[in-house]
């Protein structure tokens, strides 16, 4: 299909009408308030739905609003369990879509002869880094720096510590 527009104003009008046809229903659904009949959580893999509901400030029978959606997003991000959180509506149902953070699948030490591996595992566990825990890059970096410091205190100045 080909369109010929004689002037720019007509082209803008057609584009605006086309965009309104796509956007208007979505914007209306997002800004209208309604009584919540159900709440669904999508995207969970390791975390139990009950745990997530404990942090969600929405309940059945509440009046949904954009402020409540923002509050829900902030509350779930604050848990540290999720990389992405979105709140959508489908009629009078609120759908919270989440993407969980990666988990630590295993901890293995290679090439360590100066330290006992069991003690290292316990030390990492005490700071919150263990198999199955939520991956936190800052925590892994902190553990790496601490291990380097331990090598330095024992006189191993050329020791190289890397994490993968």
C-alpha atoms as a PDB file:
ATOM      1  CA  UNK A   1       0.000   0.000   0.000  1.00  0.00           C
ATOM      2  CA  UNK A   2       1.382   3.395  -0.935  1.00  0.00           C
ATOM      3  CA  UNK A   3       0.388   6.811   0.421  1.00  0.00           C
ATOM      4  CA  UNK A   4       1.041  10.131  -1.208  1.00  0.00           C
ATOM      5  CA  UNK A   5       0.793  13.097   1.128  1.00  0.00           C
ATOM      6  CA  UNK A   6       0.394  16.513  -0.437  1.00  0.00           C
ATOM      7  CA  UNK A   7       1.513  18.349   2.656  1.00  0.00           C
ATOM      8  CA  UNK A   8       3.288  17.538   5.885  1.00  0.00           C
ATOM      9  CA  UNK A   9       0.310  18.446   8.090  1.00  0.00           C
ATOM     10  CA  UNK A  10      -1.782  15.641   6.557  1.00  0.00           C
ATOM     11  CA  UNK A  11       1.034  13.146   7.141  1.00  0.00           C
ATOM     12  CA  UNK A  12       1.244  14.131  10.820  1.00  0.00           C
ATOM     13  CA  UNK A  13      -2.527  13.775  11.209  1.00  0.00           C
ATOM     14  CA  UNK A  14      -2.497  10.258   9.788  1.00  0.00           C
ATOM     15  CA  UNK A  15       0.442   9.247  11.990  1.00  0.00           C
ATOM     16  CA  UNK A  16      -1.219  10.733  15.097  1.00  0.00           C
ATOM     17  CA  UNK A  17      -4.470   8.875  14.391  1.00  0.00           C
ATOM     18  CA  UNK A  18      -2.574   5.623  13.863  1.00  0.00           C
ATOM     19  CA  UNK A  19      -0.606   6.063  17.095  1.00  0.00           C
ATOM     20  CA  UNK A  20      -3.759   6.902  19.051  1.00  0.00           C
ATOM     21  CA  UNK A  21      -5.356   3.696  17.831  1.00  0.00           C
ATOM     22  CA  UNK A  22      -2.444   1.696  19.333  1.00  0.00           C
ATOM     23  CA  UNK A  23      -1.692   3.721  22.459  1.00  0.00           C
ATOM     24  CA  UNK A  24      -5.089   4.891  23.680  1.00  0.00           C
ATOM     25  CA  UNK A  25      -6.374   1.507  24.955  1.00  0.00           C
ATOM     26  CA  UNK A  26      -3.107   0.799  26.804  1.00  0.00           C
ATOM     27  CA  UNK A  27      -2.905   4.238  28.401  1.00  0.00           C
ATOM     28  CA  UNK A  28      -6.546   4.065  29.467  1.00  0.00           C
ATOM     29  CA  UNK A  29      -6.035   0.684  31.117  1.00  0.00           C
ATOM     30  CA  UNK A  30      -2.921   1.878  32.939  1.00  0.00           C
ATOM     31  CA  UNK A  31      -4.379   5.113  34.294  1.00  0.00           C
ATOM     32  CA  UNK A  32      -7.874   3.950  35.210  1.00  0.00           C
ATOM     33  CA  UNK A  33      -8.457   2.740  38.753  1.00  0.00           C
ATOM     34  CA  UNK A  34     -10.429  -0.401  39.502  1.00  0.00           C
ATOM     35  CA  UNK A  35     -11.039  -2.872  42.282  1.00  0.00           C
ATOM     36  CA  UNK A  36      -8.486  -5.672  42.132  1.00  0.00           C
ATOM     37  CA  UNK A  37     -10.120  -9.087  41.725  1.00  0.00           C
ATOM     38  CA  UNK A  38      -6.895 -11.094  41.431  1.00  0.00           C
ATOM     39  CA  UNK A  39      -3.113 -10.682  41.494  1.00  0.00           C
ATOM     40  CA  UNK A  40      -0.804 -12.936  39.482  1.00  0.00           C
ATOM     41  CA  UNK A  41       2.981 -13.227  39.618  1.00  0.00           C
ATOM     42  CA  UNK A  42       4.690 -14.273  36.363  1.00  0.00           C
ATOM     43  CA  UNK A  43       8.332 -15.200  35.842  1.00  0.00           C
ATOM     44  CA  UNK A  44       9.182 -16.962  39.099  1.00  0.00           C
ATOM     45  CA  UNK A  45      11.674 -19.836  38.890  1.00  0.00           C
ATOM     46  CA  UNK A  46      13.277 -20.302  42.313  1.00  0.00           C
ATOM     47  CA  UNK A  47      11.380 -17.942  44.602  1.00  0.00           C
ATOM     48  CA  UNK A  48       8.020 -19.041  45.968  1.00  0.00           C
ATOM     49  CA  UNK A  49       4.984 -16.947  45.044  1.00  0.00           C
ATOM     50  CA  UNK A  50       4.056 -16.653  48.721  1.00  0.00           C
ATOM     51  CA  UNK A  51       7.371 -14.956  49.431  1.00  0.00           C
ATOM     52  CA  UNK A  52       6.734 -12.409  46.696  1.00  0.00           C
ATOM     53  CA  UNK A  53       3.176 -11.732  47.880  1.00  0.00           C
ATOM     54  CA  UNK A  54       4.600 -10.873  51.308  1.00  0.00           C
ATOM     55  CA  UNK A  55       6.381  -7.881  49.708  1.00  0.00           C
ATOM     56  CA  UNK A  56       3.586  -6.791  47.337  1.00  0.00           C
ATOM     57  CA  UNK A  57       1.559  -3.950  48.887  1.00  0.00           C
ATOM     58  CA  UNK A  58      -1.521  -4.875  46.820  1.00  0.00           C
ATOM     59  CA  UNK A  59      -4.346  -7.106  47.992  1.00  0.00           C
ATOM     60  CA  UNK A  60      -7.577  -8.350  46.447  1.00  0.00           C
ATOM     61  CA  UNK A  61     -10.288  -5.761  46.966  1.00  0.00           C
ATOM     62  CA  UNK A  62      -7.855  -2.814  46.934  1.00  0.00           C
ATOM     63  CA  UNK A  63      -8.342  -0.026  44.433  1.00  0.00           C
ATOM     64  CA  UNK A  64      -5.578  -0.178  41.829  1.00  0.00           C
ATOM     65  CA  UNK A  65      -3.794   3.021  40.839  1.00  0.00           C
ATOM     66  CA  UNK A  66      -0.538   4.077  39.207  1.00  0.00           C
ATOM     67  CA  UNK A  67       0.795   4.973  42.670  1.00  0.00           C
ATOM     68  CA  UNK A  68       0.091   1.435  43.915  1.00  0.00           C
ATOM     69  CA  UNK A  69       1.857   0.016  40.847  1.00  0.00           C
ATOM     70  CA  UNK A  70       4.920   2.197  41.496  1.00  0.00           C
ATOM     71  CA  UNK A  71       4.914   1.215  45.165  1.00  0.00           C
ATOM     72  CA  UNK A  72       4.819  -2.468  44.168  1.00  0.00           C
ATOM     73  CA  UNK A  73       7.750  -2.063  41.789  1.00  0.00           C
ATOM     74  CA  UNK A  74       9.832  -0.230  44.411  1.00  0.00           C
ATOM     75  CA  UNK A  75       9.041  -2.840  47.083  1.00  0.00           C
ATOM     76  CA  UNK A  76      10.052  -5.770  44.869  1.00  0.00           C
ATOM     77  CA  UNK A  77      13.265  -4.102  43.659  1.00  0.00           C
ATOM     78  CA  UNK A  78      14.158  -3.390  47.290  1.00  0.00           C
ATOM     79  CA  UNK A  79      14.202  -7.139  48.035  1.00  0.00           C
ATOM     80  CA  UNK A  80      17.255  -7.538  45.786  1.00  0.00           C
ATOM     81  CA  UNK A  81      15.765 -10.690  44.244  1.00  0.00           C
ATOM     82  CA  UNK A  82      14.855  -9.237  40.851  1.00  0.00           C
ATOM     83  CA  UNK A  83      16.568  -7.684  37.831  1.00  0.00           C
ATOM     84  CA  UNK A  84      13.295  -6.523  36.286  1.00  0.00           C
ATOM     85  CA  UNK A  85       9.824  -5.848  37.695  1.00  0.00           C
ATOM     86  CA  UNK A  86       6.777  -4.726  35.706  1.00  0.00           C
ATOM     87  CA  UNK A  87       3.161  -4.283  36.723  1.00  0.00           C
ATOM     88  CA  UNK A  88       0.482  -4.775  34.066  1.00  0.00           C
ATOM     89  CA  UNK A  89      -3.271  -5.017  34.133  1.00  0.00           C
ATOM     90  CA  UNK A  90      -5.575  -7.386  32.311  1.00  0.00           C
ATOM     91  CA  UNK A  91      -9.091  -6.214  32.981  1.00  0.00           C
ATOM     92  CA  UNK A  92      -9.447  -6.189  36.760  1.00  0.00           C
ATOM     93  CA  UNK A  93      -6.476  -8.518  37.268  1.00  0.00           C
ATOM     94  CA  UNK A  94      -3.032  -7.174  38.203  1.00  0.00           C
ATOM     95  CA  UNK A  95      -0.129  -9.116  36.676  1.00  0.00           C
ATOM     96  CA  UNK A  96       3.281  -8.587  38.252  1.00  0.00           C
ATOM     97  CA  UNK A  97       6.003  -9.738  35.842  1.00  0.00           C
ATOM     98  CA  UNK A  98       9.409 -10.362  37.348  1.00  0.00           C
ATOM     99  CA  UNK A  99      12.805 -11.522  36.200  1.00  0.00           C
ATOM    100  CA  UNK A 100      14.788 -13.135  39.000  1.00  0.00           C
ATOM    101  CA  UNK A 101      18.456 -12.376  39.513  1.00  0.00           C
ATOM    102  CA  UNK A 102      20.899 -15.137  38.692  1.00  0.00           C
ATOM    103  CA  UNK A 103      21.819 -17.578  41.435  1.00  0.00           C
ATOM    104  CA  UNK A 104      25.221 -18.942  42.413  1.00  0.00           C
ATOM    105  CA  UNK A 105      25.217 -22.493  41.073  1.00  0.00           C
ATOM    106  CA  UNK A 106      28.457 -23.605  42.665  1.00  0.00           C
ATOM    107  CA  UNK A 107      31.585 -22.373  44.414  1.00  0.00           C
ATOM    108  CA  UNK A 108      34.856 -24.037  43.533  1.00  0.00           C
ATOM    109  CA  UNK A 109      38.430 -23.084  44.349  1.00  0.00           C
ATOM    110  CA  UNK A 110      41.185 -23.944  41.897  1.00  0.00           C
ATOM    111  CA  UNK A 111      44.893 -23.610  42.577  1.00  0.00           C
ATOM    112  CA  UNK A 112      44.542 -22.717  46.238  1.00  0.00           C
ATOM    113  CA  UNK A 113      47.175 -24.450  48.341  1.00  0.00           C
ATOM    114  CA  UNK A 114      47.718 -21.954  51.159  1.00  0.00           C
ATOM    115  CA  UNK A 115      44.148 -21.989  52.505  1.00  0.00           C
ATOM    116  CA  UNK A 116      41.775 -24.763  53.525  1.00  0.00           C
ATOM    117  CA  UNK A 117      38.880 -24.869  51.025  1.00  0.00           C
ATOM    118  CA  UNK A 118      36.325 -25.764  53.714  1.00  0.00           C
ATOM    119  CA  UNK A 119      37.321 -22.710  55.743  1.00  0.00           C
ATOM    120  CA  UNK A 120      37.059 -20.514  52.643  1.00  0.00           C
ATOM    121  CA  UNK A 121      33.596 -21.885  51.887  1.00  0.00           C
ATOM    122  CA  UNK A 122      32.489 -21.186  55.465  1.00  0.00           C
ATOM    123  CA  UNK A 123      33.946 -17.672  55.318  1.00  0.00           C
ATOM    124  CA  UNK A 124      32.108 -16.940  52.070  1.00  0.00           C
ATOM    125  CA  UNK A 125      28.899 -18.347  53.513  1.00  0.00           C
ATOM    126  CA  UNK A 126      29.201 -16.080  56.546  1.00  0.00           C
ATOM    127  CA  UNK A 127      29.212 -12.994  54.295  1.00  0.00           C
ATOM    128  CA  UNK A 128      26.213 -14.233  52.298  1.00  0.00           C
ATOM    129  CA  UNK A 129      27.902 -15.897  49.341  1.00  0.00           C
ATOM    130  CA  UNK A 130      26.942 -19.554  49.062  1.00  0.00           C
ATOM    131  CA  UNK A 131      25.602 -22.046  46.576  1.00  0.00           C
ATOM    132  CA  UNK A 132      22.006 -21.173  45.711  1.00  0.00           C
ATOM    133  CA  UNK A 133      22.219 -17.592  46.962  1.00  0.00           C
ATOM    134  CA  UNK A 134      21.308 -14.678  44.710  1.00  0.00           C
ATOM    135  CA  UNK A 135      24.301 -13.555  42.656  1.00  0.00           C
ATOM    136  CA  UNK A 136      25.588 -10.181  43.799  1.00  0.00           C
ATOM    137  CA  UNK A 137      28.535  -8.895  41.787  1.00  0.00           C
ATOM    138  CA  UNK A 138      29.571  -6.495  44.556  1.00  0.00           C
ATOM    139  CA  UNK A 139      29.644  -9.327  47.095  1.00  0.00           C
ATOM    140  CA  UNK A 140      31.729 -11.534  44.780  1.00  0.00           C
ATOM    141  CA  UNK A 141      34.132  -8.639  44.202  1.00  0.00           C
ATOM    142  CA  UNK A 142      34.377  -8.057  47.954  1.00  0.00           C
ATOM    143  CA  UNK A 143      35.160 -11.742  48.527  1.00  0.00           C
ATOM    144  CA  UNK A 144      37.811 -11.637  45.797  1.00  0.00           C
ATOM    145  CA  UNK A 145      39.459  -8.579  47.376  1.00  0.00           C
ATOM    146  CA  UNK A 146      39.444 -10.242  50.800  1.00  0.00           C
ATOM    147  CA  UNK A 147      41.129 -13.347  49.401  1.00  0.00           C
ATOM    148  CA  UNK A 148      43.797 -11.160  47.763  1.00  0.00           C
ATOM    149  CA  UNK A 149      44.326  -9.423  51.101  1.00  0.00           C
ATOM    150  CA  UNK A 150      44.756 -12.788  52.827  1.00  0.00           C
ATOM    151  CA  UNK A 151      47.421 -13.790  50.293  1.00  0.00           C
ATOM    152  CA  UNK A 152      49.231 -10.483  50.814  1.00  0.00           C
ATOM    153  CA  UNK A 153      49.285 -10.940  54.604  1.00  0.00           C
ATOM    154  CA  UNK A 154      50.969 -14.313  54.102  1.00  0.00           C
ATOM    155  CA  UNK A 155      53.615 -12.839  51.821  1.00  0.00           C
ATOM    156  CA  UNK A 156      52.256 -14.002  48.456  1.00  0.00           C
ATOM    157  CA  UNK A 157      52.510 -10.701  46.620  1.00  0.00           C
ATOM    158  CA  UNK A 158      52.225 -12.151  43.111  1.00  0.00           C
ATOM    159  CA  UNK A 159      49.075 -14.164  43.823  1.00  0.00           C
ATOM    160  CA  UNK A 160      46.316 -13.687  41.258  1.00  0.00           C
ATOM    161  CA  UNK A 161      42.686 -14.152  42.269  1.00  0.00           C
ATOM    162  CA  UNK A 162      40.005 -14.259  39.583  1.00  0.00           C
ATOM    163  CA  UNK A 163      36.339 -15.176  39.695  1.00  0.00           C
ATOM    164  CA  UNK A 164      34.235 -16.672  36.946  1.00  0.00           C
END
